[in-house]
Amino acid sequence: QELRDEVQNAPGKLYPIKCDITSEDDILAAFEWTKEHLKGVDILVNNAGVGTIQTLIENTTSELRKILDVNVLGLSICTREAVKSMRERGVDDGHIIHINR
């Protein structure tokens, strides 16, 4: 909602879509919504990421799984779906940006 308020008077449109990046179903639904309403994806910015301040031996398996689910699987699924969308429509000048903090 903060972002909506910030960009309310900016040019263009904002389409807020709830998507849990650890849920493949949510990701696929978001890309399907985009295909139905906007014809597809030309630009993808992967900026979701989680980390920990603990060392590897201090982390629990569930903490490591969360990191992998967000930082690797979520990013990979989003990238796969964006590339599919671009190829289906013959987009050869699309962009995928991975942000690593």
PDB file of N, CA and C in Angstrom:
ATOM      1  N   GLN A   1       0.815  -1.194   0.000  1.00  0.00           N
ATOM      2  CA  GLN A   1       0.000   0.000   0.000  1.00  0.00           C
ATOM      3  C   GLN A   1       0.857   1.256   0.000  1.00  0.00           C
ATOM      4  N   GLU A   2       2.021   1.182   0.661  1.00  0.00           N
ATOM      5  CA  GLU A   2       2.920   2.335   0.655  1.00  0.00           C
ATOM      6  C   GLU A   2       3.380   2.649  -0.760  1.00  0.00           C
ATOM      7  N   LEU A   3       3.739   1.618  -1.502  1.00  0.00           N
ATOM      8  CA  LEU A   3       4.181   1.814  -2.884  1.00  0.00           C
ATOM      9  C   LEU A   3       3.060   2.410  -3.721  1.00  0.00           C
ATOM     10  N   ARG A   4       1.842   1.909  -3.526  1.00  0.00           N
ATOM     11  CA  ARG A   4       0.702   2.445  -4.265  1.00  0.00           C
ATOM     12  C   ARG A   4       0.565   3.941  -4.003  1.00  0.00           C
ATOM     13  N   ASP A   5       0.678   4.336  -2.735  1.00  0.00           N
ATOM     14  CA  ASP A   5       0.559   5.748  -2.389  1.00  0.00           C
ATOM     15  C   ASP A   5       1.689   6.574  -3.006  1.00  0.00           C
ATOM     16  N   GLU A   6       2.897   6.000  -3.029  1.00  0.00           N
ATOM     17  CA  GLU A   6       4.049   6.705  -3.594  1.00  0.00           C
ATOM     18  C   GLU A   6       3.901   6.962  -5.087  1.00  0.00           C
ATOM     19  N   VAL A   7       3.376   5.994  -5.812  1.00  0.00           N
ATOM     20  CA  VAL A   7       3.320   6.099  -7.274  1.00  0.00           C
ATOM     21  C   VAL A   7       1.955   6.521  -7.799  1.00  0.00           C
ATOM     22  N   GLN A   8       1.070   6.880  -6.915  1.00  0.00           N
ATOM     23  CA  GLN A   8      -0.300   7.212  -7.312  1.00  0.00           C
ATOM     24  C   GLN A   8      -0.357   8.279  -8.400  1.00  0.00           C
ATOM     25  N   ASN A   9       0.509   9.267  -8.333  1.00  0.00           N
ATOM     26  CA  ASN A   9       0.486  10.350  -9.321  1.00  0.00           C
ATOM     27  C   ASN A   9       1.543  10.187 -10.409  1.00  0.00           C
ATOM     28  N   ALA A  10       2.244   9.070 -10.402  1.00  0.00           N
ATOM     29  CA  ALA A  10       3.268   8.818 -11.422  1.00  0.00           C
ATOM     30  C   ALA A  10       2.607   8.324 -12.704  1.00  0.00           C
ATOM     31  N   PRO A  11       3.280   8.500 -13.842  1.00  0.00           N
ATOM     32  CA  PRO A  11       2.717   7.974 -15.091  1.00  0.00           C
ATOM     33  C   PRO A  11       2.718   6.447 -15.071  1.00  0.00           C
ATOM     34  N   GLY A  12       1.833   5.855 -15.818  1.00  0.00           N
ATOM     35  CA  GLY A  12       1.750   4.397 -15.885  1.00  0.00           C
ATOM     36  C   GLY A  12       0.748   3.847 -14.893  1.00  0.00           C
ATOM     37  N   LYS A  13       0.742   2.537 -14.750  1.00  0.00           N
ATOM     38  CA  LYS A  13      -0.209   1.873 -13.864  1.00  0.00           C
ATOM     39  C   LYS A  13       0.513   0.873 -12.979  1.00  0.00           C
ATOM     40  N   LEU A  14      -0.008   0.703 -11.777  1.00  0.00           N
ATOM     41  CA  LEU A  14       0.498  -0.286 -10.833  1.00  0.00           C
ATOM     42  C   LEU A  14      -0.561  -1.362 -10.662  1.00  0.00           C
ATOM     43  N   TYR A  15      -0.165  -2.615 -10.826  1.00  0.00           N
ATOM     44  CA  TYR A  15      -1.068  -3.745 -10.649  1.00  0.00           C
ATOM     45  C   TYR A  15      -0.557  -4.596  -9.493  1.00  0.00           C
ATOM     46  N   PRO A  16      -1.033  -4.358  -8.289  1.00  0.00           N
ATOM     47  CA  PRO A  16      -0.549  -5.154  -7.158  1.00  0.00           C
ATOM     48  C   PRO A  16      -1.117  -6.570  -7.205  1.00  0.00           C
ATOM     49  N   ILE A  17      -0.233  -7.550  -7.152  1.00  0.00           N
ATOM     50  CA  ILE A  17      -0.631  -8.955  -7.177  1.00  0.00           C
ATOM     51  C   ILE A  17       0.067  -9.645  -6.019  1.00  0.00           C
ATOM     52  N   LYS A  18      -0.705 -10.270  -5.152  1.00  0.00           N
ATOM     53  CA  LYS A  18      -0.125 -10.998  -4.025  1.00  0.00           C
ATOM     54  C   LYS A  18       0.525 -12.276  -4.545  1.00  0.00           C
ATOM     55  N   CYS A  19       1.774 -12.496  -4.140  1.00  0.00           N
ATOM     56  CA  CYS A  19       2.492 -13.685  -4.600  1.00  0.00           C
ATOM     57  C   CYS A  19       3.517 -14.091  -3.548  1.00  0.00           C
ATOM     58  N   ASP A  20       3.338 -15.265  -2.982  1.00  0.00           N
ATOM     59  CA  ASP A  20       4.327 -15.841  -2.070  1.00  0.00           C
ATOM     60  C   ASP A  20       5.400 -16.492  -2.934  1.00  0.00           C
ATOM     61  N   ILE A  21       6.586 -15.947  -2.911  1.00  0.00           N
ATOM     62  CA  ILE A  21       7.654 -16.401  -3.806  1.00  0.00           C
ATOM     63  C   ILE A  21       8.095 -17.830  -3.499  1.00  0.00           C
ATOM     64  N   THR A  22       7.699 -18.364  -2.346  1.00  0.00           N
ATOM     65  CA  THR A  22       8.030 -19.755  -2.017  1.00  0.00           C
ATOM     66  C   THR A  22       6.948 -20.718  -2.486  1.00  0.00           C
ATOM     67  N   SER A  23       5.897 -20.197  -3.097  1.00  0.00           N
ATOM     68  CA  SER A  23       4.789 -21.031  -3.574  1.00  0.00           C
ATOM     69  C   SER A  23       4.751 -21.029  -5.101  1.00  0.00           C
ATOM     70  N   GLU A  24       5.053 -22.168  -5.695  1.00  0.00           N
ATOM     71  CA  GLU A  24       5.016 -22.248  -7.159  1.00  0.00           C
ATOM     72  C   GLU A  24       3.621 -21.932  -7.681  1.00  0.00           C
ATOM     73  N   ASP A  25       2.585 -22.371  -6.970  1.00  0.00           N
ATOM     74  CA  ASP A  25       1.214 -22.069  -7.398  1.00  0.00           C
ATOM     75  C   ASP A  25       0.968 -20.568  -7.450  1.00  0.00           C
ATOM     76  N   ASP A  26       1.440 -19.835  -6.437  1.00  0.00           N
ATOM     77  CA  ASP A  26       1.284 -18.377  -6.434  1.00  0.00           C
ATOM     78  C   ASP A  26       2.044 -17.739  -7.598  1.00  0.00           C
ATOM     79  N   ILE A  27       3.251 -18.209  -7.833  1.00  0.00           N
ATOM     80  CA  ILE A  27       4.057 -17.659  -8.926  1.00  0.00           C
ATOM     81  C   ILE A  27       3.367 -17.897 -10.265  1.00  0.00           C
ATOM     82  N   LEU A  28       2.923 -19.130 -10.481  1.00  0.00           N
ATOM     83  CA  LEU A  28       2.256 -19.453 -11.749  1.00  0.00           C
ATOM     84  C   LEU A  28       0.974 -18.644 -11.913  1.00  0.00           C
ATOM     85  N   ALA A  29       0.231 -18.454 -10.826  1.00  0.00           N
ATOM     86  CA  ALA A  29      -0.997 -17.652 -10.888  1.00  0.00           C
ATOM     87  C   ALA A  29      -0.678 -16.197 -11.237  1.00  0.00           C
ATOM     88  N   ALA A  30       0.396 -15.664 -10.693  1.00  0.00           N
ATOM     89  CA  ALA A  30       0.780 -14.281 -10.997  1.00  0.00           C
ATOM     90  C   ALA A  30       1.156 -14.130 -12.472  1.00  0.00           C
ATOM     91  N   PHE A  31       1.895 -15.091 -13.001  1.00  0.00           N
ATOM     92  CA  PHE A  31       2.257 -15.029 -14.417  1.00  0.00           C
ATOM     93  C   PHE A  31       1.033 -15.241 -15.307  1.00  0.00           C
ATOM     94  N   GLU A  32       0.115 -16.087 -14.886  1.00  0.00           N
ATOM     95  CA  GLU A  32      -1.116 -16.298 -15.658  1.00  0.00           C
ATOM     96  C   GLU A  32      -1.951 -15.015 -15.679  1.00  0.00           C
ATOM     97  N   TRP A  33      -2.064 -14.347 -14.516  1.00  0.00           N
ATOM     98  CA  TRP A  33      -2.798 -13.077 -14.453  1.00  0.00           C
ATOM     99  C   TRP A  33      -2.158 -12.080 -15.417  1.00  0.00           C
ATOM    100  N   THR A  34      -0.838 -12.026 -15.402  1.00  0.00           N
ATOM    101  CA  THR A  34      -0.123 -11.102 -16.278  1.00  0.00           C
ATOM    102  C   THR A  34      -0.388 -11.415 -17.745  1.00  0.00           C
ATOM    103  N   LYS A  35      -0.408 -12.694 -18.077  1.00  0.00           N
ATOM    104  CA  LYS A  35      -0.686 -13.091 -19.464  1.00  0.00           C
ATOM    105  C   LYS A  35      -2.104 -12.696 -19.869  1.00  0.00           C
ATOM    106  N   GLU A  36      -3.067 -12.949 -18.994  1.00  0.00           N
ATOM    107  CA  GLU A  36      -4.469 -12.651 -19.310  1.00  0.00           C
ATOM    108  C   GLU A  36      -4.746 -11.158 -19.412  1.00  0.00           C
ATOM    109  N   HIS A  37      -4.140 -10.366 -18.546  1.00  0.00           N
ATOM    110  CA  HIS A  37      -4.471  -8.948 -18.476  1.00  0.00           C
ATOM    111  C   HIS A  37      -3.493  -8.025 -19.207  1.00  0.00           C
ATOM    112  N   LEU A  38      -2.241  -8.456 -19.337  1.00  0.00           N
ATOM    113  CA  LEU A  38      -1.223  -7.581 -19.925  1.00  0.00           C
ATOM    114  C   LEU A  38      -0.500  -8.218 -21.109  1.00  0.00           C
ATOM    115  N   LYS A  39      -0.933  -9.397 -21.498  1.00  0.00           N
ATOM    116  CA  LYS A  39      -0.388 -10.154 -22.632  1.00  0.00           C
ATOM    117  C   LYS A  39       0.927 -10.863 -22.338  1.00  0.00           C
ATOM    118  N   GLY A  40       1.578 -10.573 -21.219  1.00  0.00           N
ATOM    119  CA  GLY A  40       2.808 -11.275 -20.879  1.00  0.00           C
ATOM    120  C   GLY A  40       3.826 -10.384 -20.207  1.00  0.00           C
ATOM    121  N   VAL A  41       5.010 -10.937 -20.043  1.00  0.00           N
ATOM    122  CA  VAL A  41       6.098 -10.269 -19.337  1.00  0.00           C
ATOM    123  C   VAL A  41       7.194  -9.887 -20.325  1.00  0.00           C
ATOM    124  N   ASP A  42       7.632  -8.641 -20.277  1.00  0.00           N
ATOM    125  CA  ASP A  42       8.771  -8.186 -21.072  1.00  0.00           C
ATOM    126  C   ASP A  42       9.983  -7.916 -20.180  1.00  0.00           C
ATOM    127  N   ILE A  43       9.715  -7.588 -18.914  1.00  0.00           N
ATOM    128  CA  ILE A  43      10.781  -7.281 -17.958  1.00  0.00           C
ATOM    129  C   ILE A  43      10.470  -7.986 -16.645  1.00  0.00           C
ATOM    130  N   LEU A  44      11.463  -8.655 -16.096  1.00  0.00           N
ATOM    131  CA  LEU A  44      11.339  -9.286 -14.785  1.00  0.00           C
ATOM    132  C   LEU A  44      12.467  -8.775 -13.909  1.00  0.00           C
ATOM    133  N   VAL A  45      12.130  -8.314 -12.708  1.00  0.00           N
ATOM    134  CA  VAL A  45      13.131  -7.930 -11.719  1.00  0.00           C
ATOM    135  C   VAL A  45      12.993  -8.887 -10.544  1.00  0.00           C
ATOM    136  N   ASN A  46      13.961  -9.757 -10.380  1.00  0.00           N
ATOM    137  CA  ASN A  46      13.987 -10.675  -9.242  1.00  0.00           C
ATOM    138  C   ASN A  46      14.697  -9.966  -8.098  1.00  0.00           C
ATOM    139  N   ASN A  47      13.917  -9.429  -7.154  1.00  0.00           N
ATOM    140  CA  ASN A  47      14.535  -8.705  -6.049  1.00  0.00           C
ATOM    141  C   ASN A  47      14.173  -9.283  -4.692  1.00  0.00           C
ATOM    142  N   ALA A  48      13.471 -10.410  -4.659  1.00  0.00           N
ATOM    143  CA  ALA A  48      13.180 -11.057  -3.383  1.00  0.00           C
ATOM    144  C   ALA A  48      14.409 -11.829  -2.942  1.00  0.00           C
ATOM    145  N   GLY A  49      14.716 -11.759  -1.678  1.00  0.00           N
ATOM    146  CA  GLY A  49      15.854 -12.508  -1.165  1.00  0.00           C
ATOM    147  C   GLY A  49      15.857 -12.502   0.351  1.00  0.00           C
ATOM    148  N   VAL A  50      16.330 -13.585   0.921  1.00  0.00           N
ATOM    149  CA  VAL A  50      16.458 -13.680   2.369  1.00  0.00           C
ATOM    150  C   VAL A  50      17.859 -14.169   2.700  1.00  0.00           C
ATOM    151  N   GLY A  51      18.279 -13.902   3.907  1.00  0.00           N
ATOM    152  CA  GLY A  51      19.584 -14.347   4.364  1.00  0.00           C
ATOM    153  C   GLY A  51      19.558 -14.531   5.865  1.00  0.00           C
ATOM    154  N   THR A  52      20.696 -14.803   6.400  1.00  0.00           N
ATOM    155  CA  THR A  52      20.815 -15.011   7.832  1.00  0.00           C
ATOM    156  C   THR A  52      22.163 -14.486   8.292  1.00  0.00           C
ATOM    157  N   ILE A  53      22.251 -14.138   9.548  1.00  0.00           N
ATOM    158  CA  ILE A  53      23.534 -13.696  10.097  1.00  0.00           C
ATOM    159  C   ILE A  53      24.266 -14.851  10.768  1.00  0.00           C
ATOM    160  N   GLN A  54      23.616 -15.994  10.803  1.00  0.00           N
ATOM    161  CA  GLN A  54      24.225 -17.162  11.429  1.00  0.00           C
ATOM    162  C   GLN A  54      25.195 -17.843  10.468  1.00  0.00           C
ATOM    163  N   THR A  55      26.120 -18.588  11.041  1.00  0.00           N
ATOM    164  CA  THR A  55      27.024 -19.373  10.209  1.00  0.00           C
ATOM    165  C   THR A  55      26.294 -20.619   9.730  1.00  0.00           C
ATOM    166  N   LEU A  56      26.873 -21.291   8.766  1.00  0.00           N
ATOM    167  CA  LEU A  56      26.272 -22.500   8.213  1.00  0.00           C
ATOM    168  C   LEU A  56      25.980 -23.533   9.294  1.00  0.00           C
ATOM    169  N   ILE A  57      26.895 -23.733  10.209  1.00  0.00           N
ATOM    170  CA  ILE A  57      26.680 -24.766  11.226  1.00  0.00           C
ATOM    171  C   ILE A  57      25.686 -24.339  12.300  1.00  0.00           C
ATOM    172  N   GLU A  58      25.376 -23.056  12.377  1.00  0.00           N
ATOM    173  CA  GLU A  58      24.378 -22.576  13.337  1.00  0.00           C
ATOM    174  C   GLU A  58      22.963 -22.593  12.761  1.00  0.00           C
ATOM    175  N   ASN A  59      22.838 -22.612  11.458  1.00  0.00           N
ATOM    176  CA  ASN A  59      21.518 -22.599  10.818  1.00  0.00           C
ATOM    177  C   ASN A  59      20.809 -23.936  10.991  1.00  0.00           C
ATOM    178  N   THR A  60      19.487 -23.864  11.086  1.00  0.00           N
ATOM    179  CA  THR A  60      18.688 -25.084  11.077  1.00  0.00           C
ATOM    180  C   THR A  60      18.369 -25.436   9.631  1.00  0.00           C
ATOM    181  N   THR A  61      17.962 -26.660   9.425  1.00  0.00           N
ATOM    182  CA  THR A  61      17.592 -27.085   8.077  1.00  0.00           C
ATOM    183  C   THR A  61      16.425 -26.262   7.555  1.00  0.00           C
ATOM    184  N   SER A  62      15.461 -25.938   8.410  1.00  0.00           N
ATOM    185  CA  SER A  62      14.315 -25.143   7.947  1.00  0.00           C
ATOM    186  C   SER A  62      14.748 -23.740   7.527  1.00  0.00           C
ATOM    187  N   GLU A  63      15.732 -23.154   8.216  1.00  0.00           N
ATOM    188  CA  GLU A  63      16.237 -21.839   7.805  1.00  0.00           C
ATOM    189  C   GLU A  63      16.947 -21.929   6.457  1.00  0.00           C
ATOM    190  N   LEU A  64      17.737 -22.976   6.276  1.00  0.00           N
ATOM    191  CA  LEU A  64      18.425 -23.167   4.995  1.00  0.00           C
ATOM    192  C   LEU A  64      17.431 -23.413   3.869  1.00  0.00           C
ATOM    193  N   ARG A  65      16.386 -24.175   4.155  1.00  0.00           N
ATOM    194  CA  ARG A  65      15.366 -24.461   3.142  1.00  0.00           C
ATOM    195  C   ARG A  65      14.660 -23.173   2.716  1.00  0.00           C
ATOM    196  N   LYS A  66      14.375 -22.302   3.677  1.00  0.00           N
ATOM    197  CA  LYS A  66      13.720 -21.030   3.347  1.00  0.00           C
ATOM    198  C   LYS A  66      14.611 -20.197   2.427  1.00  0.00           C
ATOM    199  N   ILE A  67      15.907 -20.155   2.732  1.00  0.00           N
ATOM    200  CA  ILE A  67      16.846 -19.410   1.895  1.00  0.00           C
ATOM    201  C   ILE A  67      16.854 -19.972   0.474  1.00  0.00           C
ATOM    202  N   LEU A  68      16.917 -21.288   0.355  1.00  0.00           N
ATOM    203  CA  LEU A  68      16.916 -21.916  -0.973  1.00  0.00           C
ATOM    204  C   LEU A  68      15.592 -21.706  -1.696  1.00  0.00           C
ATOM    205  N   ASP A  69      14.480 -21.826  -0.964  1.00  0.00           N
ATOM    206  CA  ASP A  69      13.163 -21.653  -1.584  1.00  0.00           C
ATOM    207  C   ASP A  69      12.994 -20.261  -2.174  1.00  0.00           C
ATOM    208  N   VAL A  70      13.466 -19.249  -1.467  1.00  0.00           N
ATOM    209  CA  VAL A  70      13.318 -17.873  -1.952  1.00  0.00           C
ATOM    210  C   VAL A  70      14.411 -17.520  -2.962  1.00  0.00           C
ATOM    211  N   ASN A  71      15.662 -17.707  -2.564  1.00  0.00           N
ATOM    212  CA  ASN A  71      16.794 -17.200  -3.344  1.00  0.00           C
ATOM    213  C   ASN A  71      17.132 -18.029  -4.576  1.00  0.00           C
ATOM    214  N   VAL A  72      16.797 -19.308  -4.561  1.00  0.00           N
ATOM    215  CA  VAL A  72      17.140 -20.164  -5.699  1.00  0.00           C
ATOM    216  C   VAL A  72      15.883 -20.618  -6.440  1.00  0.00           C
ATOM    217  N   LEU A  73      15.002 -21.325  -5.754  1.00  0.00           N
ATOM    218  CA  LEU A  73      13.817 -21.858  -6.442  1.00  0.00           C
ATOM    219  C   LEU A  73      12.879 -20.758  -6.919  1.00  0.00           C
ATOM    220  N   GLY A  74      12.547 -19.816  -6.048  1.00  0.00           N
ATOM    221  CA  GLY A  74      11.644 -18.737  -6.448  1.00  0.00           C
ATOM    222  C   GLY A  74      12.191 -17.955  -7.628  1.00  0.00           C
ATOM    223  N   LEU A  75      13.469 -17.592  -7.547  1.00  0.00           N
ATOM    224  CA  LEU A  75      14.119 -16.870  -8.640  1.00  0.00           C
ATOM    225  C   LEU A  75      14.094 -17.695  -9.924  1.00  0.00           C
ATOM    226  N   SER A  76      14.394 -18.986  -9.813  1.00  0.00           N
ATOM    227  CA  SER A  76      14.448 -19.844 -11.005  1.00  0.00           C
ATOM    228  C   SER A  76      13.081 -20.026 -11.647  1.00  0.00           C
ATOM    229  N   ILE A  77      12.052 -20.216 -10.824  1.00  0.00           N
ATOM    230  CA  ILE A  77      10.697 -20.391 -11.366  1.00  0.00           C
ATOM    231  C   ILE A  77      10.240 -19.103 -12.051  1.00  0.00           C
ATOM    232  N   CYS A  78      10.470 -17.963 -11.411  1.00  0.00           N
ATOM    233  CA  CYS A  78      10.085 -16.687 -12.024  1.00  0.00           C
ATOM    234  C   CYS A  78      10.831 -16.463 -13.336  1.00  0.00           C
ATOM    235  N   THR A  79      12.111 -16.760 -13.346  1.00  0.00           N
ATOM    236  CA  THR A  79      12.904 -16.596 -14.562  1.00  0.00           C
ATOM    237  C   THR A  79      12.390 -17.510 -15.665  1.00  0.00           C
ATOM    238  N   ARG A  80      12.130 -18.767 -15.318  1.00  0.00           N
ATOM    239  CA  ARG A  80      11.600 -19.723 -16.307  1.00  0.00           C
ATOM    240  C   ARG A  80      10.302 -19.212 -16.916  1.00  0.00           C
ATOM    241  N   GLU A  81       9.389 -18.755 -16.079  1.00  0.00           N
ATOM    242  CA  GLU A  81       8.087 -18.303 -16.568  1.00  0.00           C
ATOM    243  C   GLU A  81       8.209 -17.030 -17.394  1.00  0.00           C
ATOM    244  N   ALA A  82       9.116 -16.140 -17.012  1.00  0.00           N
ATOM    245  CA  ALA A  82       9.318 -14.916 -17.796  1.00  0.00           C
ATOM    246  C   ALA A  82       9.883 -15.243 -19.175  1.00  0.00           C
ATOM    247  N   VAL A  83      10.857 -16.142 -19.227  1.00  0.00           N
ATOM    248  CA  VAL A  83      11.435 -16.537 -20.516  1.00  0.00           C
ATOM    249  C   VAL A  83      10.373 -17.206 -21.383  1.00  0.00           C
ATOM    250  N   LYS A  84       9.554 -18.077 -20.797  1.00  0.00           N
ATOM    251  CA  LYS A  84       8.453 -18.702 -21.554  1.00  0.00           C
ATOM    252  C   LYS A  84       7.539 -17.639 -22.142  1.00  0.00           C
ATOM    253  N   SER A  85       7.171 -16.665 -21.314  1.00  0.00           N
ATOM    254  CA  SER A  85       6.275 -15.602 -21.760  1.00  0.00           C
ATOM    255  C   SER A  85       6.881 -14.829 -22.923  1.00  0.00           C
ATOM    256  N   MET A  86       8.146 -14.520 -22.806  1.00  0.00           N
ATOM    257  CA  MET A  86       8.809 -13.763 -23.875  1.00  0.00           C
ATOM    258  C   MET A  86       8.892 -14.584 -25.162  1.00  0.00           C
ATOM    259  N   ARG A  87       9.261 -15.838 -25.046  1.00  0.00           N
ATOM    260  CA  ARG A  87       9.396 -16.687 -26.240  1.00  0.00           C
ATOM    261  C   ARG A  87       8.054 -16.924 -26.924  1.00  0.00           C
ATOM    262  N   GLU A  88       6.995 -17.111 -26.127  1.00  0.00           N
ATOM    263  CA  GLU A  88       5.658 -17.329 -26.706  1.00  0.00           C
ATOM    264  C   GLU A  88       5.230 -16.165 -27.586  1.00  0.00           C
ATOM    265  N   ARG A  89       5.696 -14.961 -27.253  1.00  0.00           N
ATOM    266  CA  ARG A  89       5.275 -13.765 -27.978  1.00  0.00           C
ATOM    267  C   ARG A  89       6.357 -13.217 -28.900  1.00  0.00           C
ATOM    268  N   GLY A  90       7.457 -13.944 -29.030  1.00  0.00           N
ATOM    269  CA  GLY A  90       8.530 -13.501 -29.915  1.00  0.00           C
ATOM    270  C   GLY A  90       9.284 -12.288 -29.409  1.00  0.00           C
ATOM    271  N   VAL A  91       9.272 -12.072 -28.110  1.00  0.00           N
ATOM    272  CA  VAL A  91       9.995 -10.936 -27.535  1.00  0.00           C
ATOM    273  C   VAL A  91      11.476 -11.294 -27.471  1.00  0.00           C
ATOM    274  N   ASP A  92      12.290 -10.543 -28.222  1.00  0.00           N
ATOM    275  CA  ASP A  92      13.727 -10.818 -28.207  1.00  0.00           C
ATOM    276  C   ASP A  92      14.526  -9.676 -27.585  1.00  0.00           C
ATOM    277  N   ASP A  93      13.815  -8.699 -27.039  1.00  0.00           N
ATOM    278  CA  ASP A  93      14.500  -7.590 -26.388  1.00  0.00           C
ATOM    279  C   ASP A  93      14.024  -7.409 -24.951  1.00  0.00           C
ATOM    280  N   GLY A  94      13.537  -8.500 -24.339  1.00  0.00           N
ATOM    281  CA  GLY A  94      13.112  -8.450 -22.948  1.00  0.00           C
ATOM    282  C   GLY A  94      14.317  -8.425 -22.014  1.00  0.00           C
ATOM    283  N   HIS A  95      14.039  -8.175 -20.758  1.00  0.00           N
ATOM    284  CA  HIS A  95      15.115  -8.083 -19.766  1.00  0.00           C
ATOM    285  C   HIS A  95      14.745  -8.852 -18.509  1.00  0.00           C
ATOM    286  N   ILE A  96      15.734  -9.522 -17.925  1.00  0.00           N
ATOM    287  CA  ILE A  96      15.591 -10.168 -16.627  1.00  0.00           C
ATOM    288  C   ILE A  96      16.737  -9.661 -15.767  1.00  0.00           C
ATOM    289  N   ILE A  97      16.386  -9.075 -14.644  1.00  0.00           N
ATOM    290  CA  ILE A  97      17.369  -8.474 -13.750  1.00  0.00           C
ATOM    291  C   ILE A  97      17.329  -9.227 -12.426  1.00  0.00           C
ATOM    292  N   HIS A  98      18.471  -9.754 -12.008  1.00  0.00           N
ATOM    293  CA  HIS A  98      18.590 -10.420 -10.716  1.00  0.00           C
ATOM    294  C   HIS A  98      19.327  -9.473  -9.772  1.00  0.00           C
ATOM    295  N   ILE A  99      18.704  -9.156  -8.652  1.00  0.00           N
ATOM    296  CA  ILE A  99      19.324  -8.269  -7.670  1.00  0.00           C
ATOM    297  C   ILE A  99      19.864  -9.127  -6.534  1.00  0.00           C
ATOM    298  N   ASN A 100      21.145  -8.975  -6.254  1.00  0.00           N
ATOM    299  CA  ASN A 100      21.807  -9.725  -5.197  1.00  0.00           C
ATOM    300  C   ASN A 100      22.335  -8.718  -4.188  1.00  0.00           C
ATOM    301  N   ARG A 101      21.800  -8.784  -3.000  1.00  0.00           N
ATOM    302  CA  ARG A 101      22.221  -7.799  -1.985  1.00  0.00           C
ATOM    303  C   ARG A 101      23.281  -8.360  -1.093  1.00  0.00           C
TER     304      ARG A 101
END
